[in-house]
PDB file of N, CA and C in Angstrom:
ATOM      1  N   MET A   1       1.048   5.982 194.157  1.00  0.00           N
ATOM      2  CA  MET A   1      -0.390   5.503 194.729  1.00  0.00           C
ATOM      3  C   MET A   1      -0.001   4.264 195.143  1.00  0.00           C
ATOM      4  N   ALA A   2       0.020   3.376 196.358  1.00  0.00           N
ATOM      5  CA  ALA A   2      -0.009   1.933 196.703  1.00  0.00           C
ATOM      6  C   ALA A   2      -1.748   1.397 196.265  1.00  0.00           C
ATOM      7  N   GLU A   3      -1.504   0.220 195.854  1.00  0.00           N
ATOM      8  CA  GLU A   3      -2.452  -0.356 195.395  1.00  0.00           C
ATOM      9  C   GLU A   3      -3.144  -1.126 196.573  1.00  0.00           C
ATOM     10  N   ASN A   4      -4.508  -1.061 196.902  1.00  0.00           N
ATOM     11  CA  ASN A   4      -5.067  -2.065 198.141  1.00  0.00           C
ATOM     12  C   ASN A   4      -5.123  -3.603 197.873  1.00  0.00           C
ATOM     13  N   LYS A   5      -5.607  -4.034 198.703  1.00  0.00           N
ATOM     14  CA  LYS A   5      -5.659  -6.037 198.263  1.00  0.00           C
ATOM     15  C   LYS A   5      -6.529  -5.802 196.950  1.00  0.00           C
ATOM     16  N   GLU A   6      -8.185  -5.229 196.953  1.00  0.00           N
ATOM     17  CA  GLU A   6      -9.271  -5.602 196.253  1.00  0.00           C
ATOM     18  C   GLU A   6      -8.410  -5.260 194.875  1.00  0.00           C
ATOM     19  N   GLU A   7      -7.671  -4.247 195.116  1.00  0.00           N
ATOM     20  CA  GLU A   7      -7.343  -3.836 193.479  1.00  0.00           C
ATOM     21  C   GLU A   7      -6.574  -4.583 193.196  1.00  0.00           C
ATOM     22  N   ARG A   8      -5.792  -5.341 193.483  1.00  0.00           N
ATOM     23  CA  ARG A   8      -4.857  -6.468 193.155  1.00  0.00           C
ATOM     24  C   ARG A   8      -5.715  -7.925 192.876  1.00  0.00           C
ATOM     25  N   GLU A   9      -6.811  -8.005 193.564  1.00  0.00           N
ATOM     26  CA  GLU A   9      -7.371  -9.561 193.367  1.00  0.00           C
ATOM     27  C   GLU A   9      -8.156  -8.853 192.175  1.00  0.00           C
ATOM     28  N   ASN A  10      -8.696  -8.055 191.716  1.00  0.00           N
ATOM     29  CA  ASN A  10      -9.370  -7.573 190.608  1.00  0.00           C
ATOM     30  C   ASN A  10      -8.811  -7.808 189.588  1.00  0.00           C
ATOM     31  N   THR A  11      -7.041  -7.397 189.419  1.00  0.00           N
ATOM     32  CA  THR A  11      -6.523  -7.512 188.199  1.00  0.00           C
ATOM     33  C   THR A  11      -6.147  -8.769 187.532  1.00  0.00           C
ATOM     34  N   ASN A  12      -6.339  -9.789 188.948  1.00  0.00           N
ATOM     35  CA  ASN A  12      -5.373 -11.066 188.320  1.00  0.00           C
ATOM     36  C   ASN A  12      -7.236 -11.924 188.285  1.00  0.00           C
ATOM     37  N   GLN A  13      -8.269 -11.364 187.971  1.00  0.00           N
ATOM     38  CA  GLN A  13      -9.590 -11.779 187.385  1.00  0.00           C
ATOM     39  C   GLN A  13     -10.155 -11.972 186.354  1.00  0.00           C
ATOM     40  N   PHE A  14     -10.945 -12.766 185.351  1.00  0.00           N
ATOM     41  CA  PHE A  14     -10.648 -12.815 184.440  1.00  0.00           C
ATOM     42  C   PHE A  14     -12.557 -12.809 183.893  1.00  0.00           C
ATOM     43  N   GLN A  15     -13.007 -12.558 182.968  1.00  0.00           N
ATOM     44  CA  GLN A  15     -14.151 -12.974 182.527  1.00  0.00           C
ATOM     45  C   GLN A  15     -14.907 -14.197 181.924  1.00  0.00           C
ATOM     46  N   MET A  16     -15.376 -15.187 182.042  1.00  0.00           N
ATOM     47  CA  MET A  16     -15.685 -16.177 181.351  1.00  0.00           C
ATOM     48  C   MET A  16     -17.218 -16.032 181.167  1.00  0.00           C
ATOM     49  N   GLN A  17     -17.687 -16.822 180.201  1.00  0.00           N
ATOM     50  CA  GLN A  17     -19.153 -16.921 179.711  1.00  0.00           C
ATOM     51  C   GLN A  17     -19.491 -18.240 179.715  1.00  0.00           C
ATOM     52  N   ILE A  18     -20.794 -18.287 179.902  1.00  0.00           N
ATOM     53  CA  ILE A  18     -20.937 -20.353 180.156  1.00  0.00           C
ATOM     54  C   ILE A  18     -22.721 -20.383 179.784  1.00  0.00           C
ATOM     55  N   LYS A  19     -22.834 -21.342 178.873  1.00  0.00           N
ATOM     56  CA  LYS A  19     -24.161 -21.504 178.440  1.00  0.00           C
ATOM     57  C   LYS A  19     -24.667 -22.264 179.156  1.00  0.00           C
ATOM     58  N   PRO A  20     -26.455 -21.552 178.948  1.00  0.00           N
ATOM     59  CA  PRO A  20     -27.359 -22.225 180.033  1.00  0.00           C
ATOM     60  C   PRO A  20     -26.928 -23.651 180.118  1.00  0.00           C
ATOM     61  N   GLU A  21     -27.112 -24.286 178.694  1.00  0.00           N
ATOM     62  CA  GLU A  21     -27.115 -26.218 179.040  1.00  0.00           C
ATOM     63  C   GLU A  21     -25.904 -26.531 179.961  1.00  0.00           C
ATOM     64  N   VAL A  22     -24.627 -25.565 180.064  1.00  0.00           N
ATOM     65  CA  VAL A  22     -23.602 -26.475 180.617  1.00  0.00           C
ATOM     66  C   VAL A  22     -23.495 -25.608 182.294  1.00  0.00           C
ATOM     67  N   ALA A  23     -24.416 -24.477 182.123  1.00  0.00           N
ATOM     68  CA  ALA A  23     -24.388 -23.896 183.675  1.00  0.00           C
ATOM     69  C   ALA A  23     -25.347 -24.740 184.498  1.00  0.00           C
ATOM     70  N   GLU A  24     -26.573 -25.692 184.168  1.00  0.00           N
ATOM     71  CA  GLU A  24     -27.216 -26.646 185.027  1.00  0.00           C
ATOM     72  C   GLU A  24     -25.903 -27.602 185.218  1.00  0.00           C
ATOM     73  N   GLY A  25     -25.142 -28.333 184.414  1.00  0.00           N
ATOM     74  CA  GLY A  25     -24.179 -28.552 185.620  1.00  0.00           C
ATOM     75  C   GLY A  25     -25.073 -30.782 185.437  1.00  0.00           C
ATOM     76  N   GLU A  26     -23.965 -31.286 185.615  1.00  0.00           N
ATOM     77  CA  GLU A  26     -23.989 -32.134 185.220  1.00  0.00           C
ATOM     78  C   GLU A  26     -23.398 -33.683 187.074  1.00  0.00           C
ATOM     79  N   TYR A  27     -24.628 -34.075 187.850  1.00  0.00           N
ATOM     80  CA  TYR A  27     -24.518 -34.639 188.741  1.00  0.00           C
ATOM     81  C   TYR A  27     -23.427 -35.922 188.524  1.00  0.00           C
ATOM     82  N   ALA A  28     -21.868 -36.518 189.331  1.00  0.00           N
ATOM     83  CA  ALA A  28     -21.699 -37.308 188.985  1.00  0.00           C
ATOM     84  C   ALA A  28     -21.475 -37.504 190.446  1.00  0.00           C
ATOM     85  N   ASN A  29     -20.803 -38.956 190.784  1.00  0.00           N
ATOM     86  CA  ASN A  29     -19.957 -39.436 192.108  1.00  0.00           C
ATOM     87  C   ASN A  29     -19.504 -40.790 192.032  1.00  0.00           C
ATOM     88  N   LEU A  30     -19.212 -40.518 190.684  1.00  0.00           N
ATOM     89  CA  LEU A  30     -17.923 -41.394 190.387  1.00  0.00           C
ATOM     90  C   LEU A  30     -17.598 -40.108 189.584  1.00  0.00           C
ATOM     91  N   VAL A  31     -15.335 -40.923 189.905  1.00  0.00           N
ATOM     92  CA  VAL A  31     -15.046 -40.243 188.719  1.00  0.00           C
ATOM     93  C   VAL A  31     -13.765 -41.443 188.235  1.00  0.00           C
ATOM     94  N   LEU A  32     -13.205 -41.827 187.193  1.00  0.00           N
ATOM     95  CA  LEU A  32     -12.541 -42.710 186.920  1.00  0.00           C
ATOM     96  C   LEU A  32     -11.622 -41.692 186.342  1.00  0.00           C
ATOM     97  N   ILE A  33     -10.109 -41.550 186.826  1.00  0.00           N
ATOM     98  CA  ILE A  33      -8.784 -41.251 186.102  1.00  0.00           C
ATOM     99  C   ILE A  33      -7.756 -42.062 185.678  1.00  0.00           C
ATOM    100  N   THR A  34      -7.289 -42.051 184.677  1.00  0.00           N
ATOM    101  CA  THR A  34      -6.571 -42.142 183.808  1.00  0.00           C
ATOM    102  C   THR A  34      -5.644 -41.540 183.232  1.00  0.00           C
ATOM    103  N   HIS A  35      -4.493 -41.592 182.338  1.00  0.00           N
ATOM    104  CA  HIS A  35      -3.526 -41.069 182.348  1.00  0.00           C
ATOM    105  C   HIS A  35      -1.899 -41.440 181.213  1.00  0.00           C
ATOM    106  N   SER A  36      -1.539 -40.350 180.418  1.00  0.00           N
ATOM    107  CA  SER A  36      -0.583 -40.970 179.842  1.00  0.00           C
ATOM    108  C   SER A  36       0.464 -40.209 179.521  1.00  0.00           C
ATOM    109  N   SER A  37       1.516 -39.764 179.394  1.00  0.00           N
ATOM    110  CA  SER A  37       2.783 -39.361 179.502  1.00  0.00           C
ATOM    111  C   SER A  37       2.534 -37.741 179.598  1.00  0.00           C
ATOM    112  N   SER A  38       1.448 -37.520 178.551  1.00  0.00           N
ATOM    113  CA  SER A  38       0.820 -36.040 178.069  1.00  0.00           C
ATOM    114  C   SER A  38      -0.545 -35.433 178.631  1.00  0.00           C
ATOM    115  N   ASP A  39      -1.335 -36.469 178.410  1.00  0.00           N
ATOM    116  CA  ASP A  39      -2.433 -36.553 179.590  1.00  0.00           C
ATOM    117  C   ASP A  39      -3.344 -37.367 180.490  1.00  0.00           C
ATOM    118  N   PHE A  40      -4.664 -36.530 181.627  1.00  0.00           N
ATOM    119  CA  PHE A  40      -4.902 -36.847 182.502  1.00  0.00           C
ATOM    120  C   PHE A  40      -6.163 -36.779 181.877  1.00  0.00           C
ATOM    121  N   ILE A  41      -7.471 -37.974 181.621  1.00  0.00           N
ATOM    122  CA  ILE A  41      -8.438 -38.016 181.470  1.00  0.00           C
ATOM    123  C   ILE A  41      -9.489 -38.437 182.961  1.00  0.00           C
ATOM    124  N   LEU A  42     -10.261 -37.215 183.091  1.00  0.00           N
ATOM    125  CA  LEU A  42     -11.345 -37.522 184.213  1.00  0.00           C
ATOM    126  C   LEU A  42     -12.605 -37.871 183.399  1.00  0.00           C
ATOM    127  N   ASP A  43     -12.912 -39.224 183.796  1.00  0.00           N
ATOM    128  CA  ASP A  43     -14.441 -39.370 183.681  1.00  0.00           C
ATOM    129  C   ASP A  43     -15.073 -39.207 184.551  1.00  0.00           C
ATOM    130  N   PHE A  44     -16.495 -38.294 184.020  1.00  0.00           N
ATOM    131  CA  PHE A  44     -17.278 -38.281 185.501  1.00  0.00           C
ATOM    132  C   PHE A  44     -18.695 -39.086 185.399  1.00  0.00           C
ATOM    133  N   ALA A  45     -18.884 -39.897 186.003  1.00  0.00           N
ATOM    134  CA  ALA A  45     -19.719 -40.716 186.388  1.00  0.00           C
ATOM    135  C   ALA A  45     -20.488 -40.670 187.187  1.00  0.00           C
ATOM    136  N   LYS A  46     -22.377 -41.712 186.989  1.00  0.00           N
ATOM    137  CA  LYS A  46     -23.109 -41.338 187.824  1.00  0.00           C
ATOM    138  C   LYS A  46     -23.476 -42.916 187.933  1.00  0.00           C
ATOM    139  N   ILE A  47     -23.372 -43.381 189.316  1.00  0.00           N
ATOM    140  CA  ILE A  47     -24.520 -44.428 189.126  1.00  0.00           C
ATOM    141  C   ILE A  47     -24.831 -44.574 190.477  1.00  0.00           C
ATOM    142  N   LEU A  48     -26.727 -45.198 189.992  1.00  0.00           N
ATOM    143  CA  LEU A  48     -28.056 -44.575 191.308  1.00  0.00           C
ATOM    144  C   LEU A  48     -28.209 -46.413 191.330  1.00  0.00           C
ATOM    145  N   PRO A  49     -28.922 -46.774 192.208  1.00  0.00           N
ATOM    146  CA  PRO A  49     -29.943 -47.900 192.053  1.00  0.00           C
ATOM    147  C   PRO A  49     -30.723 -47.928 191.213  1.00  0.00           C
ATOM    148  N   GLY A  50     -30.692 -49.049 190.653  1.00  0.00           N
ATOM    149  CA  GLY A  50     -31.923 -49.679 189.336  1.00  0.00           C
ATOM    150  C   GLY A  50     -30.465 -49.437 188.035  1.00  0.00           C
ATOM    151  N   MET A  51     -29.035 -48.957 188.102  1.00  0.00           N
ATOM    152  CA  MET A  51     -28.682 -48.537 187.142  1.00  0.00           C
ATOM    153  C   MET A  51     -27.795 -50.258 186.544  1.00  0.00           C
ATOM    154  N   ALA A  52     -27.543 -50.240 185.963  1.00  0.00           N
ATOM    155  CA  ALA A  52     -27.085 -51.651 185.536  1.00  0.00           C
ATOM    156  C   ALA A  52     -25.725 -51.231 185.656  1.00  0.00           C
ATOM    157  N   GLN A  53     -25.209 -50.178 185.241  1.00  0.00           N
ATOM    158  CA  GLN A  53     -23.812 -49.651 185.372  1.00  0.00           C
ATOM    159  C   GLN A  53     -23.526 -48.120 185.279  1.00  0.00           C
ATOM    160  N   PRO A  54     -22.144 -47.888 185.846  1.00  0.00           N
ATOM    161  CA  PRO A  54     -22.218 -46.298 185.902  1.00  0.00           C
ATOM    162  C   PRO A  54     -22.314 -45.691 184.647  1.00  0.00           C
ATOM    163  N   GLU A  55     -22.735 -44.554 184.357  1.00  0.00           N
ATOM    164  CA  GLU A  55     -22.997 -43.700 183.127  1.00  0.00           C
ATOM    165  C   GLU A  55     -21.976 -42.114 183.394  1.00  0.00           C
ATOM    166  N   VAL A  56     -21.443 -42.633 181.987  1.00  0.00           N
ATOM    167  CA  VAL A  56     -20.184 -41.035 182.211  1.00  0.00           C
ATOM    168  C   VAL A  56     -20.790 -40.364 181.791  1.00  0.00           C
ATOM    169  N   ARG A  57     -21.006 -39.091 182.500  1.00  0.00           N
ATOM    170  CA  ARG A  57     -21.874 -38.088 181.804  1.00  0.00           C
ATOM    171  C   ARG A  57     -20.634 -36.588 180.900  1.00  0.00           C
ATOM    172  N   SER A  58     -19.386 -36.582 181.254  1.00  0.00           N
ATOM    173  CA  SER A  58     -18.890 -35.932 180.688  1.00  0.00           C
ATOM    174  C   SER A  58     -17.055 -36.349 180.964  1.00  0.00           C
ATOM    175  N   ARG A  59     -16.573 -35.928 180.160  1.00  0.00           N
ATOM    176  CA  ARG A  59     -15.255 -36.035 180.226  1.00  0.00           C
ATOM    177  C   ARG A  59     -14.419 -34.897 180.146  1.00  0.00           C
ATOM    178  N   VAL A  60     -13.287 -34.949 181.023  1.00  0.00           N
ATOM    179  CA  VAL A  60     -12.205 -33.807 180.622  1.00  0.00           C
ATOM    180  C   VAL A  60     -10.724 -34.063 180.625  1.00  0.00           C
ATOM    181  N   VAL A  61     -10.583 -33.429 179.420  1.00  0.00           N
ATOM    182  CA  VAL A  61      -8.959 -34.562 179.504  1.00  0.00           C
ATOM    183  C   VAL A  61      -7.677 -32.783 179.695  1.00  0.00           C
ATOM    184  N   MET A  62      -6.902 -32.890 180.399  1.00  0.00           N
ATOM    185  CA  MET A  62      -6.087 -31.759 180.915  1.00  0.00           C
ATOM    186  C   MET A  62      -4.469 -32.701 180.996  1.00  0.00           C
ATOM    187  N   ALA A  63      -3.819 -31.319 180.458  1.00  0.00           N
ATOM    188  CA  ALA A  63      -2.233 -31.499 180.864  1.00  0.00           C
ATOM    189  C   ALA A  63      -1.762 -32.178 182.017  1.00  0.00           C
ATOM    190  N   PRO A  64      -0.957 -32.196 182.043  1.00  0.00           N
ATOM    191  CA  PRO A  64      -0.139 -32.918 183.366  1.00  0.00           C
ATOM    192  C   PRO A  64      -0.182 -31.636 184.418  1.00  0.00           C
ATOM    193  N   GLU A  65       0.294 -30.839 183.913  1.00  0.00           N
ATOM    194  CA  GLU A  65       0.376 -29.534 184.860  1.00  0.00           C
ATOM    195  C   GLU A  65      -0.988 -28.999 185.069  1.00  0.00           C
ATOM    196  N   HIS A  66      -1.893 -29.098 184.539  1.00  0.00           N
ATOM    197  CA  HIS A  66      -3.397 -28.446 184.704  1.00  0.00           C
ATOM    198  C   HIS A  66      -3.989 -29.741 185.589  1.00  0.00           C
ATOM    199  N   ALA A  67      -3.129 -31.263 185.179  1.00  0.00           N
ATOM    200  CA  ALA A  67      -4.355 -31.863 187.117  1.00  0.00           C
ATOM    201  C   ALA A  67      -3.712 -31.312 187.678  1.00  0.00           C
ATOM    202  N   LYS A  68      -2.442 -30.988 188.063  1.00  0.00           N
ATOM    203  CA  LYS A  68      -1.553 -30.751 189.600  1.00  0.00           C
ATOM    204  C   LYS A  68      -2.158 -29.065 189.848  1.00  0.00           C
ATOM    205  N   ARG A  69      -2.605 -28.266 189.107  1.00  0.00           N
ATOM    206  CA  ARG A  69      -3.149 -27.164 189.691  1.00  0.00           C
ATOM    207  C   ARG A  69      -4.330 -27.107 189.832  1.00  0.00           C
ATOM    208  N   LEU A  70      -5.413 -28.033 189.276  1.00  0.00           N
ATOM    209  CA  LEU A  70      -6.421 -28.588 190.024  1.00  0.00           C
ATOM    210  C   LEU A  70      -6.527 -29.204 191.309  1.00  0.00           C
ATOM    211  N   LEU A  71      -5.720 -30.519 191.640  1.00  0.00           N
ATOM    212  CA  LEU A  71      -5.514 -30.892 192.563  1.00  0.00           C
ATOM    213  C   LEU A  71      -5.316 -29.884 194.312  1.00  0.00           C
ATOM    214  N   GLN A  72      -4.513 -28.401 193.540  1.00  0.00           N
ATOM    215  CA  GLN A  72      -4.337 -27.788 194.600  1.00  0.00           C
ATOM    216  C   GLN A  72      -4.942 -26.633 194.777  1.00  0.00           C
ATOM    217  N   ALA A  73      -5.942 -26.586 193.620  1.00  0.00           N
ATOM    218  CA  ALA A  73      -7.471 -25.235 193.943  1.00  0.00           C
ATOM    219  C   ALA A  73      -8.285 -26.623 194.643  1.00  0.00           C
ATOM    220  N   LEU A  74      -8.632 -27.745 194.774  1.00  0.00           N
ATOM    221  CA  LEU A  74      -9.123 -28.499 195.108  1.00  0.00           C
ATOM    222  C   LEU A  74      -8.943 -28.740 196.498  1.00  0.00           C
ATOM    223  N   GLN A  75      -7.648 -28.578 197.117  1.00  0.00           N
ATOM    224  CA  GLN A  75      -6.803 -28.890 198.128  1.00  0.00           C
ATOM    225  C   GLN A  75      -7.853 -27.362 199.012  1.00  0.00           C
ATOM    226  N   GLU A  76      -7.576 -26.426 198.449  1.00  0.00           N
ATOM    227  CA  GLU A  76      -7.518 -25.218 199.099  1.00  0.00           C
ATOM    228  C   GLU A  76      -9.021 -24.811 199.572  1.00  0.00           C
ATOM    229  N   ASN A  77      -9.716 -25.502 198.068  1.00  0.00           N
ATOM    230  CA  ASN A  77     -11.367 -24.668 198.251  1.00  0.00           C
ATOM    231  C   ASN A  77     -11.806 -26.355 199.441  1.00  0.00           C
ATOM    232  N   ILE A  78     -11.500 -27.109 199.176  1.00  0.00           N
ATOM    233  CA  ILE A  78     -11.585 -28.236 200.368  1.00  0.00           C
ATOM    234  C   ILE A  78     -11.544 -27.364 201.795  1.00  0.00           C
ATOM    235  N   TYR A  79     -10.206 -27.159 202.166  1.00  0.00           N
ATOM    236  CA  TYR A  79      -9.437 -26.489 203.538  1.00  0.00           C
ATOM    237  C   TYR A  79     -10.490 -25.180 203.977  1.00  0.00           C
ATOM    238  N   SER A  80     -10.482 -24.540 202.774  1.00  0.00           N
ATOM    239  CA  SER A  80     -11.676 -23.641 203.140  1.00  0.00           C
ATOM    240  C   SER A  80     -13.377 -23.697 203.335  1.00  0.00           C
ATOM    241  N   PHE A  81     -13.507 -24.602 203.014  1.00  0.00           N
ATOM    242  CA  PHE A  81     -14.934 -25.191 203.126  1.00  0.00           C
ATOM    243  C   PHE A  81     -15.360 -25.629 204.543  1.00  0.00           C
ATOM    244  N   GLU A  82     -14.186 -27.017 204.644  1.00  0.00           N
ATOM    245  CA  GLU A  82     -14.303 -27.264 206.238  1.00  0.00           C
ATOM    246  C   GLU A  82     -13.681 -25.844 207.346  1.00  0.00           C
ATOM    247  N   GLN A  83     -12.776 -24.826 206.871  1.00  0.00           N
ATOM    248  CA  GLN A  83     -13.157 -24.097 207.734  1.00  0.00           C
ATOM    249  C   GLN A  83     -14.348 -23.206 208.125  1.00  0.00           C
ATOM    250  N   THR A  84     -15.246 -23.614 206.962  1.00  0.00           N
ATOM    251  CA  THR A  84     -16.653 -22.523 207.115  1.00  0.00           C
ATOM    252  C   THR A  84     -17.637 -23.117 207.656  1.00  0.00           C
ATOM    253  N   PHE A  85     -17.631 -24.659 206.748  1.00  0.00           N
ATOM    254  CA  PHE A  85     -19.017 -25.510 206.950  1.00  0.00           C
ATOM    255  C   PHE A  85     -18.477 -26.853 208.174  1.00  0.00           C
ATOM    256  N   GLY A  86     -17.091 -26.641 208.536  1.00  0.00           N
ATOM    257  CA  GLY A  86     -16.830 -28.358 209.366  1.00  0.00           C
ATOM    258  C   GLY A  86     -16.366 -29.415 208.622  1.00  0.00           C
ATOM    259  N   LYS A  87     -16.005 -30.277 209.443  1.00  0.00           N
ATOM    260  CA  LYS A  87     -14.964 -31.459 208.123  1.00  0.00           C
ATOM    261  C   LYS A  87     -16.124 -31.963 207.295  1.00  0.00           C
ATOM    262  N   ILE A  88     -15.541 -32.389 206.649  1.00  0.00           N
ATOM    263  CA  ILE A  88     -16.411 -33.417 205.552  1.00  0.00           C
ATOM    264  C   ILE A  88     -16.156 -34.849 206.042  1.00  0.00           C
ATOM    265  N   GLU A  89     -16.999 -35.802 206.638  1.00  0.00           N
ATOM    266  CA  GLU A  89     -16.731 -36.902 206.848  1.00  0.00           C
ATOM    267  C   GLU A  89     -16.940 -37.954 205.470  1.00  0.00           C
ATOM    268  N   ILE A  90     -15.866 -38.838 205.811  1.00  0.00           N
ATOM    269  CA  ILE A  90     -16.043 -39.917 204.744  1.00  0.00           C
ATOM    270  C   ILE A  90     -16.332 -40.861 205.031  1.00  0.00           C
ATOM    271  N   PRO A  91     -18.045 -41.901 205.878  1.00  0.00           N
ATOM    272  CA  PRO A  91     -17.588 -42.963 206.491  1.00  0.00           C
ATOM    273  C   PRO A  91     -17.355 -44.291 205.556  1.00  0.00           C
ATOM    274  N   ASN A  92     -16.343 -45.213 205.929  1.00  0.00           N
ATOM    275  CA  ASN A  92     -15.984 -46.162 206.086  1.00  0.00           C
ATOM    276  C   ASN A  92     -15.454 -46.299 204.487  1.00  0.00           C
ATOM    277  N   GLN A  93     -14.111 -45.314 204.254  1.00  0.00           N
ATOM    278  CA  GLN A  93     -13.732 -44.508 202.897  1.00  0.00           C
ATOM    279  C   GLN A  93     -12.998 -45.923 202.569  1.00  0.00           C
ATOM    280  N   GLN A  94     -13.047 -46.454 201.644  1.00  0.00           N
ATOM    281  CA  GLN A  94     -11.858 -47.762 200.870  1.00  0.00           C
ATOM    282  C   GLN A  94     -10.526 -46.779 200.328  1.00  0.00           C
ATOM    283  N   PRO A  95      -9.315 -46.976 200.653  1.00  0.00           N
ATOM    284  CA  PRO A  95      -8.777 -46.649 199.365  1.00  0.00           C
ATOM    285  C   PRO A  95      -9.068 -45.872 198.372  1.00  0.00           C
ATOM    286  N   ARG A  96      -8.753 -44.807 197.669  1.00  0.00           N
ATOM    287  CA  ARG A  96      -8.616 -44.139 196.522  1.00  0.00           C
ATOM    288  C   ARG A  96      -9.801 -44.310 195.648  1.00  0.00           C
ATOM    289  N   THR A  97     -10.957 -44.720 196.705  1.00  0.00           N
ATOM    290  CA  THR A  97     -12.607 -44.875 196.283  1.00  0.00           C
ATOM    291  C   THR A  97     -13.476 -43.836 196.354  1.00  0.00           C
ATOM    292  N   ILE A  98     -13.996 -43.728 195.990  1.00  0.00           N
ATOM    293  CA  ILE A  98     -15.420 -42.709 196.588  1.00  0.00           C
ATOM    294  C   ILE A  98     -17.037 -43.087 195.512  1.00  0.00           C
ATOM    295  N   ALA A  99     -16.613 -44.171 195.692  1.00  0.00           N
ATOM    296  CA  ALA A  99     -18.078 -45.102 195.157  1.00  0.00           C
ATOM    297  C   ALA A  99     -18.393 -46.139 195.859  1.00  0.00           C
ATOM    298  N   PRO A 100     -19.073 -46.912 196.494  1.00  0.00           N
ATOM    299  CA  PRO A 100     -19.388 -47.934 197.492  1.00  0.00           C
ATOM    300  C   PRO A 100     -19.693 -49.693 196.371  1.00  0.00           C
ATOM    301  N   PHE A 101     -18.830 -49.731 195.354  1.00  0.00           N
ATOM    302  CA  PHE A 101     -18.501 -50.429 195.075  1.00  0.00           C
ATOM    303  C   PHE A 101     -17.025 -50.393 194.847  1.00  0.00           C
ATOM    304  N   ALA A 102     -16.419 -52.182 193.445  1.00  0.00           N
ATOM    305  CA  ALA A 102     -15.012 -52.180 193.551  1.00  0.00           C
ATOM    306  C   ALA A 102     -14.615 -51.470 192.349  1.00  0.00           C
ATOM    307  N   ALA A 103     -13.144 -50.909 193.244  1.00  0.00           N
ATOM    308  CA  ALA A 103     -12.567 -50.079 192.456  1.00  0.00           C
ATOM    309  C   ALA A 103     -11.379 -50.384 191.779  1.00  0.00           C
ATOM    310  N   GLY A 104     -11.185 -50.163 190.440  1.00  0.00           N
ATOM    311  CA  GLY A 104      -9.388 -50.263 189.523  1.00  0.00           C
ATOM    312  C   GLY A 104      -8.866 -49.488 190.355  1.00  0.00           C
ATOM    313  N   LYS A 105      -7.244 -49.554 189.748  1.00  0.00           N
ATOM    314  CA  LYS A 105      -6.744 -48.988 190.256  1.00  0.00           C
ATOM    315  C   LYS A 105      -6.368 -47.509 189.710  1.00  0.00           C
ATOM    316  N   ASN A 106      -7.364 -46.985 188.396  1.00  0.00           N
ATOM    317  CA  ASN A 106      -6.684 -45.583 188.198  1.00  0.00           C
ATOM    318  C   ASN A 106      -8.761 -45.062 188.788  1.00  0.00           C
ATOM    319  N   GLU A 107      -9.115 -45.909 189.337  1.00  0.00           N
ATOM    320  CA  GLU A 107     -10.073 -44.840 190.063  1.00  0.00           C
ATOM    321  C   GLU A 107      -9.772 -43.810 191.413  1.00  0.00           C
ATOM    322  N   ALA A 108     -10.477 -43.141 191.549  1.00  0.00           N
ATOM    323  CA  ALA A 108     -10.092 -41.770 192.379  1.00  0.00           C
ATOM    324  C   ALA A 108     -11.549 -41.534 193.359  1.00  0.00           C
TER     325      ALA A 108
END
């Protein structure tokens, strides 16, 4: 008996638990990315008017292979988002920055 598409997709899914305090999420409008030969470190921060400096809200450390998988997953999801909701416009974007202030070489 042949599997249908839905049955194949269900076999690739898994269950995850999320604590309520994690489910609330953290707002970030800046990410600082650094790396070594074995790890990528993503510091998610927010900066708002009146704040003296950005405040790191969450740090994620991952292996290079997982960082590349994250990049691919983001590309796929942005493509899907834009197909549904339209192109995401980034006004006056400077190369490799996402915040309206000077960026170091390891920021994205």
